[in-house]
Amino acid sequence: MLTGMSRAAHIPSLAPAAAPVNATSAEHVRAATLADEQVPAPVRLTRIDPSRNMKRFYTVAVEVTLFDDVACTRTYGRIGERGGRVMVGLFETQGEAVAALGRIVDAKLARGYRRAE
């Protein structure tokens, strides 16, 4: 046994957590507003052309970041491969991000992508 050490273990107290603070800052109001709004579901698109050995996917989603920003996230790559690429666009409002999602989906549908089932 080591000298100078006691046998008693330190047990943290189980005191109740502090009551939540009622914040009224602009950031907290904005986060609460974004949480109340309806965020569209992610859109998954695929483009498969065996004659060209093409098997691609493209996923677009609107998300709220850790810092209460609104992001339009695009993930794309080859179907069946690990990884892929990710692009994130930040927007001031959720409406702008949803509009960007619509433009991206329309452009991909025009290029031959189809909605995944």
PDB file of N, CA and C in Angstrom:
ATOM      1  N   MET A   1       0.839  -1.174   0.000  1.00  0.00           N
ATOM      2  CA  MET A   1       0.000   0.000   0.000  1.00  0.00           C
ATOM      3  C   MET A   1       0.881   1.233   0.000  1.00  0.00           C
ATOM      4  N   LEU A   2       0.455   2.236  -0.794  1.00  0.00           N
ATOM      5  CA  LEU A   2       1.226   3.465  -0.879  1.00  0.00           C
ATOM      6  C   LEU A   2       1.013   4.293   0.366  1.00  0.00           C
ATOM      7  N   THR A   3       2.048   4.973   0.766  1.00  0.00           N
ATOM      8  CA  THR A   3       1.932   5.806   1.958  1.00  0.00           C
ATOM      9  C   THR A   3       1.233   7.106   1.624  1.00  0.00           C
ATOM     10  N   GLY A   4       0.503   7.618   2.556  1.00  0.00           N
ATOM     11  CA  GLY A   4      -0.159   8.900   2.405  1.00  0.00           C
ATOM     12  C   GLY A   4      -1.506   8.817   1.689  1.00  0.00           C
ATOM     13  N   MET A   5      -1.950   7.641   1.297  1.00  0.00           N
ATOM     14  CA  MET A   5      -3.235   7.528   0.607  1.00  0.00           C
ATOM     15  C   MET A   5      -4.265   6.960   1.575  1.00  0.00           C
ATOM     16  N   SER A   6      -5.433   7.463   1.513  1.00  0.00           N
ATOM     17  CA  SER A   6      -6.483   6.944   2.374  1.00  0.00           C
ATOM     18  C   SER A   6      -7.274   5.901   1.600  1.00  0.00           C
ATOM     19  N   ARG A   7      -8.015   5.098   2.314  1.00  0.00           N
ATOM     20  CA  ARG A   7      -8.795   4.050   1.696  1.00  0.00           C
ATOM     21  C   ARG A   7     -10.164   4.548   1.229  1.00  0.00           C
ATOM     22  N   ALA A   8     -10.609   5.678   1.686  1.00  0.00           N
ATOM     23  CA  ALA A   8     -11.929   6.175   1.325  1.00  0.00           C
ATOM     24  C   ALA A   8     -11.918   6.683  -0.123  1.00  0.00           C
ATOM     25  N   ALA A   9     -12.896   6.295  -0.838  1.00  0.00           N
ATOM     26  CA  ALA A   9     -13.015   6.745  -2.233  1.00  0.00           C
ATOM     27  C   ALA A   9     -13.876   7.998  -2.284  1.00  0.00           C
ATOM     28  N   HIS A  10     -13.584   8.821  -3.239  1.00  0.00           N
ATOM     29  CA  HIS A  10     -14.371  10.042  -3.407  1.00  0.00           C
ATOM     30  C   HIS A  10     -15.602   9.708  -4.238  1.00  0.00           C
ATOM     31  N   ILE A  11     -16.776   9.948  -3.675  1.00  0.00           N
ATOM     32  CA  ILE A  11     -18.026   9.699  -4.383  1.00  0.00           C
ATOM     33  C   ILE A  11     -18.672  11.051  -4.641  1.00  0.00           C
ATOM     34  N   PRO A  12     -18.898  11.368  -5.911  1.00  0.00           N
ATOM     35  CA  PRO A  12     -19.505  12.675  -6.208  1.00  0.00           C
ATOM     36  C   PRO A  12     -20.920  12.746  -5.670  1.00  0.00           C
ATOM     37  N   SER A  13     -21.327  13.952  -5.298  1.00  0.00           N
ATOM     38  CA  SER A  13     -22.675  14.115  -4.771  1.00  0.00           C
ATOM     39  C   SER A  13     -23.690  13.984  -5.901  1.00  0.00           C
ATOM     40  N   LEU A  14     -24.854  13.527  -5.569  1.00  0.00           N
ATOM     41  CA  LEU A  14     -25.913  13.360  -6.543  1.00  0.00           C
ATOM     42  C   LEU A  14     -26.943  14.470  -6.417  1.00  0.00           C
ATOM     43  N   ALA A  15     -26.465  15.692  -6.295  1.00  0.00           N
ATOM     44  CA  ALA A  15     -27.357  16.840  -6.152  1.00  0.00           C
ATOM     45  C   ALA A  15     -28.112  17.055  -7.456  1.00  0.00           C
ATOM     46  N   PRO A  16     -29.354  17.519  -7.358  1.00  0.00           N
ATOM     47  CA  PRO A  16     -30.114  17.745  -8.583  1.00  0.00           C
ATOM     48  C   PRO A  16     -29.467  18.837  -9.428  1.00  0.00           C
ATOM     49  N   ALA A  17     -29.635  18.717 -10.723  1.00  0.00           N
ATOM     50  CA  ALA A  17     -29.053  19.687 -11.649  1.00  0.00           C
ATOM     51  C   ALA A  17     -29.743  21.032 -11.480  1.00  0.00           C
ATOM     52  N   ALA A  18     -29.014  22.070 -11.836  1.00  0.00           N
ATOM     53  CA  ALA A  18     -29.572  23.415 -11.729  1.00  0.00           C
ATOM     54  C   ALA A  18     -30.736  23.570 -12.697  1.00  0.00           C
ATOM     55  N   ALA A  19     -31.655  24.403 -12.333  1.00  0.00           N
ATOM     56  CA  ALA A  19     -32.818  24.657 -13.190  1.00  0.00           C
ATOM     57  C   ALA A  19     -32.356  25.309 -14.487  1.00  0.00           C
ATOM     58  N   PRO A  20     -33.001  25.008 -15.603  1.00  0.00           N
ATOM     59  CA  PRO A  20     -32.580  25.605 -16.865  1.00  0.00           C
ATOM     60  C   PRO A  20     -32.761  27.116 -16.851  1.00  0.00           C
ATOM     61  N   VAL A  21     -31.828  27.779 -17.502  1.00  0.00           N
ATOM     62  CA  VAL A  21     -31.858  29.231 -17.553  1.00  0.00           C
ATOM     63  C   VAL A  21     -32.817  29.642 -18.664  1.00  0.00           C
ATOM     64  N   ASN A  22     -33.631  30.623 -18.406  1.00  0.00           N
ATOM     65  CA  ASN A  22     -34.580  31.108 -19.389  1.00  0.00           C
ATOM     66  C   ASN A  22     -33.882  32.172 -20.226  1.00  0.00           C
ATOM     67  N   ALA A  23     -33.293  31.739 -21.358  1.00  0.00           N
ATOM     68  CA  ALA A  23     -32.508  32.654 -22.181  1.00  0.00           C
ATOM     69  C   ALA A  23     -33.394  33.340 -23.210  1.00  0.00           C
ATOM     70  N   THR A  24     -33.134  34.604 -23.422  1.00  0.00           N
ATOM     71  CA  THR A  24     -33.899  35.347 -24.412  1.00  0.00           C
ATOM     72  C   THR A  24     -32.984  35.982 -25.444  1.00  0.00           C
ATOM     73  N   SER A  25     -31.760  35.506 -25.556  1.00  0.00           N
ATOM     74  CA  SER A  25     -30.850  36.093 -26.537  1.00  0.00           C
ATOM     75  C   SER A  25     -31.322  35.744 -27.949  1.00  0.00           C
ATOM     76  N   ALA A  26     -30.831  36.488 -28.913  1.00  0.00           N
ATOM     77  CA  ALA A  26     -31.246  36.287 -30.303  1.00  0.00           C
ATOM     78  C   ALA A  26     -30.894  34.889 -30.797  1.00  0.00           C
ATOM     79  N   GLU A  27     -29.743  34.360 -30.373  1.00  0.00           N
ATOM     80  CA  GLU A  27     -29.331  33.028 -30.817  1.00  0.00           C
ATOM     81  C   GLU A  27     -30.300  31.958 -30.321  1.00  0.00           C
ATOM     82  N   HIS A  28     -30.720  32.053 -29.074  1.00  0.00           N
ATOM     83  CA  HIS A  28     -31.623  31.048 -28.522  1.00  0.00           C
ATOM     84  C   HIS A  28     -33.017  31.159 -29.149  1.00  0.00           C
ATOM     85  N   VAL A  29     -33.439  32.378 -29.426  1.00  0.00           N
ATOM     86  CA  VAL A  29     -34.737  32.567 -30.074  1.00  0.00           C
ATOM     87  C   VAL A  29     -34.685  31.988 -31.479  1.00  0.00           C
ATOM     88  N   ARG A  30     -33.576  32.225 -32.209  1.00  0.00           N
ATOM     89  CA  ARG A  30     -33.429  31.704 -33.568  1.00  0.00           C
ATOM     90  C   ARG A  30     -33.403  30.186 -33.561  1.00  0.00           C
ATOM     91  N   ALA A  31     -32.683  29.570 -32.621  1.00  0.00           N
ATOM     92  CA  ALA A  31     -32.622  28.108 -32.535  1.00  0.00           C
ATOM     93  C   ALA A  31     -33.996  27.529 -32.251  1.00  0.00           C
ATOM     94  N   ALA A  32     -34.749  28.168 -31.385  1.00  0.00           N
ATOM     95  CA  ALA A  32     -36.086  27.678 -31.075  1.00  0.00           C
ATOM     96  C   ALA A  32     -37.000  27.814 -32.289  1.00  0.00           C
ATOM     97  N   THR A  33     -36.836  28.898 -33.052  1.00  0.00           N
ATOM     98  CA  THR A  33     -37.647  29.096 -34.244  1.00  0.00           C
ATOM     99  C   THR A  33     -37.336  28.037 -35.285  1.00  0.00           C
ATOM    100  N   LEU A  34     -36.040  27.717 -35.495  1.00  0.00           N
ATOM    101  CA  LEU A  34     -35.661  26.694 -36.459  1.00  0.00           C
ATOM    102  C   LEU A  34     -36.177  25.326 -36.051  1.00  0.00           C
ATOM    103  N   ALA A  35     -36.172  25.058 -34.755  1.00  0.00           N
ATOM    104  CA  ALA A  35     -36.641  23.759 -34.282  1.00  0.00           C
ATOM    105  C   ALA A  35     -38.136  23.609 -34.520  1.00  0.00           C
ATOM    106  N   ASP A  36     -38.891  24.720 -34.456  1.00  0.00           N
ATOM    107  CA  ASP A  36     -40.334  24.660 -34.652  1.00  0.00           C
ATOM    108  C   ASP A  36     -40.716  24.513 -36.126  1.00  0.00           C
ATOM    109  N   GLU A  37     -39.864  25.016 -37.045  1.00  0.00           N
ATOM    110  CA  GLU A  37     -40.178  24.956 -38.470  1.00  0.00           C
ATOM    111  C   GLU A  37     -39.994  23.541 -38.994  1.00  0.00           C
ATOM    112  N   GLN A  38     -40.689  23.236 -40.070  1.00  0.00           N
ATOM    113  CA  GLN A  38     -40.629  21.915 -40.671  1.00  0.00           C
ATOM    114  C   GLN A  38     -39.414  21.827 -41.596  1.00  0.00           C
ATOM    115  N   VAL A  39     -38.474  20.952 -41.292  1.00  0.00           N
ATOM    116  CA  VAL A  39     -37.300  20.747 -42.121  1.00  0.00           C
ATOM    117  C   VAL A  39     -37.622  19.640 -43.124  1.00  0.00           C
ATOM    118  N   PRO A  40     -37.390  19.876 -44.433  1.00  0.00           N
ATOM    119  CA  PRO A  40     -37.715  18.837 -45.410  1.00  0.00           C
ATOM    120  C   PRO A  40     -36.823  17.611 -45.244  1.00  0.00           C
ATOM    121  N   ALA A  41     -37.349  16.465 -45.611  1.00  0.00           N
ATOM    122  CA  ALA A  41     -36.595  15.217 -45.532  1.00  0.00           C
ATOM    123  C   ALA A  41     -35.474  15.238 -46.571  1.00  0.00           C
ATOM    124  N   PRO A  42     -34.365  14.546 -46.298  1.00  0.00           N
ATOM    125  CA  PRO A  42     -33.283  14.470 -47.286  1.00  0.00           C
ATOM    126  C   PRO A  42     -33.783  13.854 -48.593  1.00  0.00           C
ATOM    127  N   VAL A  43     -33.253  14.339 -49.705  1.00  0.00           N
ATOM    128  CA  VAL A  43     -33.618  13.833 -51.024  1.00  0.00           C
ATOM    129  C   VAL A  43     -32.451  12.996 -51.538  1.00  0.00           C
ATOM    130  N   ARG A  44     -32.721  11.734 -51.895  1.00  0.00           N
ATOM    131  CA  ARG A  44     -31.678  10.840 -52.413  1.00  0.00           C
ATOM    132  C   ARG A  44     -31.961  10.577 -53.886  1.00  0.00           C
ATOM    133  N   LEU A  45     -30.955  10.849 -54.714  1.00  0.00           N
ATOM    134  CA  LEU A  45     -31.052  10.665 -56.152  1.00  0.00           C
ATOM    135  C   LEU A  45     -30.004   9.653 -56.605  1.00  0.00           C
ATOM    136  N   THR A  46     -30.320   8.922 -57.673  1.00  0.00           N
ATOM    137  CA  THR A  46     -29.357   7.982 -58.246  1.00  0.00           C
ATOM    138  C   THR A  46     -29.329   8.153 -59.752  1.00  0.00           C
ATOM    139  N   ARG A  47     -28.205   7.799 -60.338  1.00  0.00           N
ATOM    140  CA  ARG A  47     -28.057   7.785 -61.799  1.00  0.00           C
ATOM    141  C   ARG A  47     -27.280   6.532 -62.154  1.00  0.00           C
ATOM    142  N   ILE A  48     -27.946   5.606 -62.822  1.00  0.00           N
ATOM    143  CA  ILE A  48     -27.342   4.327 -63.177  1.00  0.00           C
ATOM    144  C   ILE A  48     -27.450   4.146 -64.688  1.00  0.00           C
ATOM    145  N   ASP A  49     -26.302   3.943 -65.332  1.00  0.00           N
ATOM    146  CA  ASP A  49     -26.239   3.695 -66.771  1.00  0.00           C
ATOM    147  C   ASP A  49     -25.204   2.597 -67.005  1.00  0.00           C
ATOM    148  N   PRO A  50     -25.659   1.315 -67.130  1.00  0.00           N
ATOM    149  CA  PRO A  50     -24.707   0.203 -67.290  1.00  0.00           C
ATOM    150  C   PRO A  50     -23.829   0.332 -68.542  1.00  0.00           C
ATOM    151  N   SER A  51     -24.341   0.939 -69.613  1.00  0.00           N
ATOM    152  CA  SER A  51     -23.542   1.052 -70.835  1.00  0.00           C
ATOM    153  C   SER A  51     -22.328   1.965 -70.632  1.00  0.00           C
ATOM    154  N   ARG A  52     -22.419   2.883 -69.683  1.00  0.00           N
ATOM    155  CA  ARG A  52     -21.304   3.791 -69.386  1.00  0.00           C
ATOM    156  C   ARG A  52     -20.599   3.439 -68.082  1.00  0.00           C
ATOM    157  N   ASN A  53     -20.988   2.301 -67.474  1.00  0.00           N
ATOM    158  CA  ASN A  53     -20.440   1.871 -66.181  1.00  0.00           C
ATOM    159  C   ASN A  53     -20.612   2.982 -65.136  1.00  0.00           C
ATOM    160  N   MET A  54     -21.796   3.585 -65.119  1.00  0.00           N
ATOM    161  CA  MET A  54     -22.076   4.706 -64.234  1.00  0.00           C
ATOM    162  C   MET A  54     -23.076   4.276 -63.163  1.00  0.00           C
ATOM    163  N   LYS A  55     -22.694   4.419 -61.898  1.00  0.00           N
ATOM    164  CA  LYS A  55     -23.569   4.146 -60.754  1.00  0.00           C
ATOM    165  C   LYS A  55     -23.290   5.216 -59.710  1.00  0.00           C
ATOM    166  N   ARG A  56     -24.064   6.294 -59.764  1.00  0.00           N
ATOM    167  CA  ARG A  56     -23.817   7.432 -58.873  1.00  0.00           C
ATOM    168  C   ARG A  56     -25.002   7.682 -57.952  1.00  0.00           C
ATOM    169  N   PHE A  57     -24.705   8.292 -56.804  1.00  0.00           N
ATOM    170  CA  PHE A  57     -25.757   8.736 -55.885  1.00  0.00           C
ATOM    171  C   PHE A  57     -25.509  10.193 -55.532  1.00  0.00           C
ATOM    172  N   TYR A  58     -26.569  10.869 -55.128  1.00  0.00           N
ATOM    173  CA  TYR A  58     -26.494  12.271 -54.732  1.00  0.00           C
ATOM    174  C   TYR A  58     -27.558  12.481 -53.671  1.00  0.00           C
ATOM    175  N   THR A  59     -27.178  12.924 -52.486  1.00  0.00           N
ATOM    176  CA  THR A  59     -28.119  13.173 -51.397  1.00  0.00           C
ATOM    177  C   THR A  59     -28.029  14.636 -50.994  1.00  0.00           C
ATOM    178  N   VAL A  60     -29.173  15.285 -50.881  1.00  0.00           N
ATOM    179  CA  VAL A  60     -29.227  16.701 -50.492  1.00  0.00           C
ATOM    180  C   VAL A  60     -30.130  16.809 -49.270  1.00  0.00           C
ATOM    181  N   ALA A  61     -29.661  17.537 -48.232  1.00  0.00           N
ATOM    182  CA  ALA A  61     -30.447  17.679 -47.007  1.00  0.00           C
ATOM    183  C   ALA A  61     -30.254  19.074 -46.424  1.00  0.00           C
ATOM    184  N   VAL A  62     -31.284  19.566 -45.750  1.00  0.00           N
ATOM    185  CA  VAL A  62     -31.207  20.822 -45.006  1.00  0.00           C
ATOM    186  C   VAL A  62     -31.076  20.456 -43.536  1.00  0.00           C
ATOM    187  N   GLU A  63     -30.063  21.010 -42.882  1.00  0.00           N
ATOM    188  CA  GLU A  63     -29.779  20.677 -41.485  1.00  0.00           C
ATOM    189  C   GLU A  63     -29.446  21.936 -40.705  1.00  0.00           C
ATOM    190  N   VAL A  64     -29.590  21.855 -39.390  1.00  0.00           N
ATOM    191  CA  VAL A  64     -29.166  22.926 -38.498  1.00  0.00           C
ATOM    192  C   VAL A  64     -27.835  22.503 -37.895  1.00  0.00           C
ATOM    193  N   THR A  65     -26.822  23.375 -37.964  1.00  0.00           N
ATOM    194  CA  THR A  65     -25.492  23.039 -37.459  1.00  0.00           C
ATOM    195  C   THR A  65     -25.420  23.233 -35.952  1.00  0.00           C
ATOM    196  N   LEU A  66     -24.299  22.877 -35.381  1.00  0.00           N
ATOM    197  CA  LEU A  66     -24.096  23.041 -33.938  1.00  0.00           C
ATOM    198  C   LEU A  66     -24.111  24.504 -33.516  1.00  0.00           C
ATOM    199  N   PHE A  67     -23.815  25.394 -34.453  1.00  0.00           N
ATOM    200  CA  PHE A  67     -23.756  26.813 -34.139  1.00  0.00           C
ATOM    201  C   PHE A  67     -25.018  27.544 -34.590  1.00  0.00           C
ATOM    202  N   ASP A  68     -26.117  26.804 -34.763  1.00  0.00           N
ATOM    203  CA  ASP A  68     -27.429  27.330 -35.127  1.00  0.00           C
ATOM    204  C   ASP A  68     -27.462  27.982 -36.504  1.00  0.00           C
ATOM    205  N   ASP A  69     -26.538  27.612 -37.369  1.00  0.00           N
ATOM    206  CA  ASP A  69     -26.615  28.044 -38.759  1.00  0.00           C
ATOM    207  C   ASP A  69     -27.469  27.028 -39.510  1.00  0.00           C
ATOM    208  N   VAL A  70     -27.959  27.406 -40.672  1.00  0.00           N
ATOM    209  CA  VAL A  70     -28.722  26.489 -41.514  1.00  0.00           C
ATOM    210  C   VAL A  70     -27.819  26.079 -42.667  1.00  0.00           C
ATOM    211  N   ALA A  71     -27.692  24.777 -42.889  1.00  0.00           N
ATOM    212  CA  ALA A  71     -26.798  24.262 -43.920  1.00  0.00           C
ATOM    213  C   ALA A  71     -27.564  23.396 -44.909  1.00  0.00           C
ATOM    214  N   CYS A  72     -27.165  23.494 -46.168  1.00  0.00           N
ATOM    215  CA  CYS A  72     -27.651  22.588 -47.211  1.00  0.00           C
ATOM    216  C   CYS A  72     -26.467  21.662 -47.503  1.00  0.00           C
ATOM    217  N   THR A  73     -26.592  20.403 -47.102  1.00  0.00           N
ATOM    218  CA  THR A  73     -25.502  19.452 -47.211  1.00  0.00           C
ATOM    219  C   THR A  73     -25.711  18.554 -48.418  1.00  0.00           C
ATOM    220  N   ARG A  74     -24.678  18.437 -49.247  1.00  0.00           N
ATOM    221  CA  ARG A  74     -24.721  17.563 -50.422  1.00  0.00           C
ATOM    222  C   ARG A  74     -23.681  16.462 -50.246  1.00  0.00           C
ATOM    223  N   THR A  75     -24.113  15.223 -50.377  1.00  0.00           N
ATOM    224  CA  THR A  75     -23.222  14.074 -50.315  1.00  0.00           C
ATOM    225  C   THR A  75     -23.361  13.329 -51.640  1.00  0.00           C
ATOM    226  N   TYR A  76     -22.236  13.003 -52.271  1.00  0.00           N
ATOM    227  CA  TYR A  76     -22.314  12.344 -53.565  1.00  0.00           C
ATOM    228  C   TYR A  76     -21.116  11.436 -53.775  1.00  0.00           C
ATOM    229  N   GLY A  77     -21.271  10.494 -54.710  1.00  0.00           N
ATOM    230  CA  GLY A  77     -20.194   9.576 -55.023  1.00  0.00           C
ATOM    231  C   GLY A  77     -20.697   8.386 -55.819  1.00  0.00           C
ATOM    232  N   ARG A  78     -19.896   7.344 -55.874  1.00  0.00           N
ATOM    233  CA  ARG A  78     -20.237   6.132 -56.609  1.00  0.00           C
ATOM    234  C   ARG A  78     -20.955   5.171 -55.678  1.00  0.00           C
ATOM    235  N   ILE A  79     -22.038   4.587 -56.164  1.00  0.00           N
ATOM    236  CA  ILE A  79     -22.804   3.629 -55.362  1.00  0.00           C
ATOM    237  C   ILE A  79     -21.937   2.402 -55.096  1.00  0.00           C
ATOM    238  N   GLY A  80     -21.908   1.966 -53.843  1.00  0.00           N
ATOM    239  CA  GLY A  80     -21.164   0.773 -53.471  1.00  0.00           C
ATOM    240  C   GLY A  80     -19.755   1.034 -52.993  1.00  0.00           C
ATOM    241  N   GLU A  81     -19.264   2.258 -53.118  1.00  0.00           N
ATOM    242  CA  GLU A  81     -17.919   2.576 -52.656  1.00  0.00           C
ATOM    243  C   GLU A  81     -17.995   3.253 -51.306  1.00  0.00           C
ATOM    244  N   ARG A  82     -16.968   3.099 -50.537  1.00  0.00           N
ATOM    245  CA  ARG A  82     -16.920   3.760 -49.232  1.00  0.00           C
ATOM    246  C   ARG A  82     -16.631   5.238 -49.398  1.00  0.00           C
ATOM    247  N   GLY A  83     -17.135   5.985 -48.457  1.00  0.00           N
ATOM    248  CA  GLY A  83     -16.858   7.416 -48.460  1.00  0.00           C
ATOM    249  C   GLY A  83     -17.753   8.175 -49.406  1.00  0.00           C
ATOM    250  N   GLY A  84     -17.168   8.985 -50.199  1.00  0.00           N
ATOM    251  CA  GLY A  84     -17.899   9.906 -51.050  1.00  0.00           C
ATOM    252  C   GLY A  84     -17.439  11.304 -50.704  1.00  0.00           C
ATOM    253  N   ARG A  85     -18.028  12.262 -51.330  1.00  0.00           N
ATOM    254  CA  ARG A  85     -17.665  13.649 -51.063  1.00  0.00           C
ATOM    255  C   ARG A  85     -18.831  14.372 -50.416  1.00  0.00           C
ATOM    256  N   VAL A  86     -18.485  15.392 -49.637  1.00  0.00           N
ATOM    257  CA  VAL A  86     -19.507  16.169 -48.939  1.00  0.00           C
ATOM    258  C   VAL A  86     -19.235  17.649 -49.193  1.00  0.00           C
ATOM    259  N   MET A  87     -20.293  18.370 -49.544  1.00  0.00           N
ATOM    260  CA  MET A  87     -20.222  19.825 -49.687  1.00  0.00           C
ATOM    261  C   MET A  87     -21.276  20.435 -48.775  1.00  0.00           C
ATOM    262  N   VAL A  88     -20.904  21.470 -48.042  1.00  0.00           N
ATOM    263  CA  VAL A  88     -21.827  22.126 -47.118  1.00  0.00           C
ATOM    264  C   VAL A  88     -21.924  23.599 -47.497  1.00  0.00           C
ATOM    265  N   GLY A  89     -23.150  24.051 -47.683  1.00  0.00           N
ATOM    266  CA  GLY A  89     -23.404  25.470 -47.940  1.00  0.00           C
ATOM    267  C   GLY A  89     -24.175  26.057 -46.772  1.00  0.00           C
ATOM    268  N   LEU A  90     -23.688  27.161 -46.216  1.00  0.00           N
ATOM    269  CA  LEU A  90     -24.351  27.805 -45.079  1.00  0.00           C
ATOM    270  C   LEU A  90     -25.247  28.931 -45.566  1.00  0.00           C
ATOM    271  N   PHE A  91     -26.410  29.078 -44.925  1.00  0.00           N
ATOM    272  CA  PHE A  91     -27.393  30.080 -45.320  1.00  0.00           C
ATOM    273  C   PHE A  91     -27.881  30.841 -44.107  1.00  0.00           C
ATOM    274  N   GLU A  92     -28.372  32.053 -44.345  1.00  0.00           N
ATOM    275  CA  GLU A  92     -28.888  32.908 -43.281  1.00  0.00           C
ATOM    276  C   GLU A  92     -30.207  32.371 -42.719  1.00  0.00           C
ATOM    277  N   THR A  93     -31.091  31.925 -43.628  1.00  0.00           N
ATOM    278  CA  THR A  93     -32.403  31.461 -43.187  1.00  0.00           C
ATOM    279  C   THR A  93     -32.679  30.065 -43.723  1.00  0.00           C
ATOM    280  N   GLN A  94     -33.642  29.420 -43.108  1.00  0.00           N
ATOM    281  CA  GLN A  94     -34.010  28.087 -43.542  1.00  0.00           C
ATOM    282  C   GLN A  94     -34.686  28.139 -44.909  1.00  0.00           C
ATOM    283  N   GLY A  95     -35.410  29.205 -45.195  1.00  0.00           N
ATOM    284  CA  GLY A  95     -36.055  29.360 -46.493  1.00  0.00           C
ATOM    285  C   GLY A  95     -35.051  29.388 -47.635  1.00  0.00           C
ATOM    286  N   GLU A  96     -33.926  30.081 -47.434  1.00  0.00           N
ATOM    287  CA  GLU A  96     -32.880  30.124 -48.450  1.00  0.00           C
ATOM    288  C   GLU A  96     -32.280  28.741 -48.675  1.00  0.00           C
ATOM    289  N   ALA A  97     -32.074  27.999 -47.603  1.00  0.00           N
ATOM    290  CA  ALA A  97     -31.503  26.649 -47.714  1.00  0.00           C
ATOM    291  C   ALA A  97     -32.460  25.708 -48.441  1.00  0.00           C
ATOM    292  N   VAL A  98     -33.751  25.808 -48.150  1.00  0.00           N
ATOM    293  CA  VAL A  98     -34.747  24.961 -48.818  1.00  0.00           C
ATOM    294  C   VAL A  98     -34.821  25.326 -50.301  1.00  0.00           C
ATOM    295  N   ALA A  99     -34.723  26.620 -50.626  1.00  0.00           N
ATOM    296  CA  ALA A  99     -34.725  27.048 -52.026  1.00  0.00           C
ATOM    297  C   ALA A  99     -33.500  26.489 -52.754  1.00  0.00           C
ATOM    298  N   ALA A 100     -32.334  26.500 -52.090  1.00  0.00           N
ATOM    299  CA  ALA A 100     -31.122  25.940 -52.689  1.00  0.00           C
ATOM    300  C   ALA A 100     -31.283  24.441 -52.910  1.00  0.00           C
ATOM    301  N   LEU A 101     -31.893  23.750 -51.959  1.00  0.00           N
ATOM    302  CA  LEU A 101     -32.146  22.315 -52.110  1.00  0.00           C
ATOM    303  C   LEU A 101     -32.998  22.077 -53.351  1.00  0.00           C
ATOM    304  N   GLY A 102     -34.027  22.857 -53.544  1.00  0.00           N
ATOM    305  CA  GLY A 102     -34.897  22.700 -54.712  1.00  0.00           C
ATOM    306  C   GLY A 102     -34.160  22.930 -56.015  1.00  0.00           C
ATOM    307  N   ARG A 103     -33.309  23.962 -56.054  1.00  0.00           N
ATOM    308  CA  ARG A 103     -32.535  24.236 -57.265  1.00  0.00           C
ATOM    309  C   ARG A 103     -31.570  23.101 -57.580  1.00  0.00           C
ATOM    310  N   ILE A 104     -30.910  22.574 -56.552  1.00  0.00           N
ATOM    311  CA  ILE A 104     -29.946  21.485 -56.753  1.00  0.00           C
ATOM    312  C   ILE A 104     -30.646  20.232 -57.262  1.00  0.00           C
ATOM    313  N   VAL A 105     -31.776  19.888 -56.645  1.00  0.00           N
ATOM    314  CA  VAL A 105     -32.519  18.693 -57.056  1.00  0.00           C
ATOM    315  C   VAL A 105     -33.010  18.853 -58.492  1.00  0.00           C
ATOM    316  N   ASP A 106     -33.536  20.017 -58.844  1.00  0.00           N
ATOM    317  CA  ASP A 106     -34.003  20.252 -60.212  1.00  0.00           C
ATOM    318  C   ASP A 106     -32.865  20.103 -61.222  1.00  0.00           C
ATOM    319  N   ALA A 107     -31.687  20.638 -60.889  1.00  0.00           N
ATOM    320  CA  ALA A 107     -30.540  20.541 -61.796  1.00  0.00           C
ATOM    321  C   ALA A 107     -30.105  19.087 -61.978  1.00  0.00           C
ATOM    322  N   LYS A 108     -30.108  18.321 -60.903  1.00  0.00           N
ATOM    323  CA  LYS A 108     -29.695  16.913 -60.993  1.00  0.00           C
ATOM    324  C   LYS A 108     -30.721  16.086 -61.761  1.00  0.00           C
ATOM    325  N   LEU A 109     -32.007  16.370 -61.577  1.00  0.00           N
ATOM    326  CA  LEU A 109     -33.041  15.651 -62.329  1.00  0.00           C
ATOM    327  C   LEU A 109     -32.910  15.955 -63.823  1.00  0.00           C
ATOM    328  N   ALA A 110     -32.526  17.181 -64.173  1.00  0.00           N
ATOM    329  CA  ALA A 110     -32.333  17.545 -65.573  1.00  0.00           C
ATOM    330  C   ALA A 110     -31.130  16.831 -66.176  1.00  0.00           C
ATOM    331  N   ARG A 111     -30.164  16.442 -65.342  1.00  0.00           N
ATOM    332  CA  ARG A 111     -28.971  15.757 -65.837  1.00  0.00           C
ATOM    333  C   ARG A 111     -29.133  14.239 -65.887  1.00  0.00           C
ATOM    334  N   GLY A 112     -30.312  13.730 -65.532  1.00  0.00           N
ATOM    335  CA  GLY A 112     -30.534  12.291 -65.663  1.00  0.00           C
ATOM    336  C   GLY A 112     -30.644  11.531 -64.354  1.00  0.00           C
ATOM    337  N   TYR A 113     -30.507  12.204 -63.233  1.00  0.00           N
ATOM    338  CA  TYR A 113     -30.691  11.532 -61.942  1.00  0.00           C
ATOM    339  C   TYR A 113     -32.176  11.249 -61.730  1.00  0.00           C
ATOM    340  N   ARG A 114     -32.475  10.223 -60.973  1.00  0.00           N
ATOM    341  CA  ARG A 114     -33.851   9.862 -60.626  1.00  0.00           C
ATOM    342  C   ARG A 114     -33.933   9.720 -59.115  1.00  0.00           C
ATOM    343  N   ARG A 115     -35.123   9.968 -58.570  1.00  0.00           N
ATOM    344  CA  ARG A 115     -35.316   9.808 -57.120  1.00  0.00           C
ATOM    345  C   ARG A 115     -35.167   8.338 -56.742  1.00  0.00           C
ATOM    346  N   ALA A 116     -34.413   8.078 -55.692  1.00  0.00           N
ATOM    347  CA  ALA A 116     -34.210   6.707 -55.222  1.00  0.00           C
ATOM    348  C   ALA A 116     -35.464   6.241 -54.509  1.00  0.00           C
ATOM    349  N   GLU A 117     -35.790   5.002 -54.670  1.00  0.00           N
ATOM    350  CA  GLU A 117     -36.983   4.415 -54.028  1.00  0.00           C
ATOM    351  C   GLU A 117     -36.649   3.929 -52.655  1.00  0.00           C
TER     352      GLU A 117
END
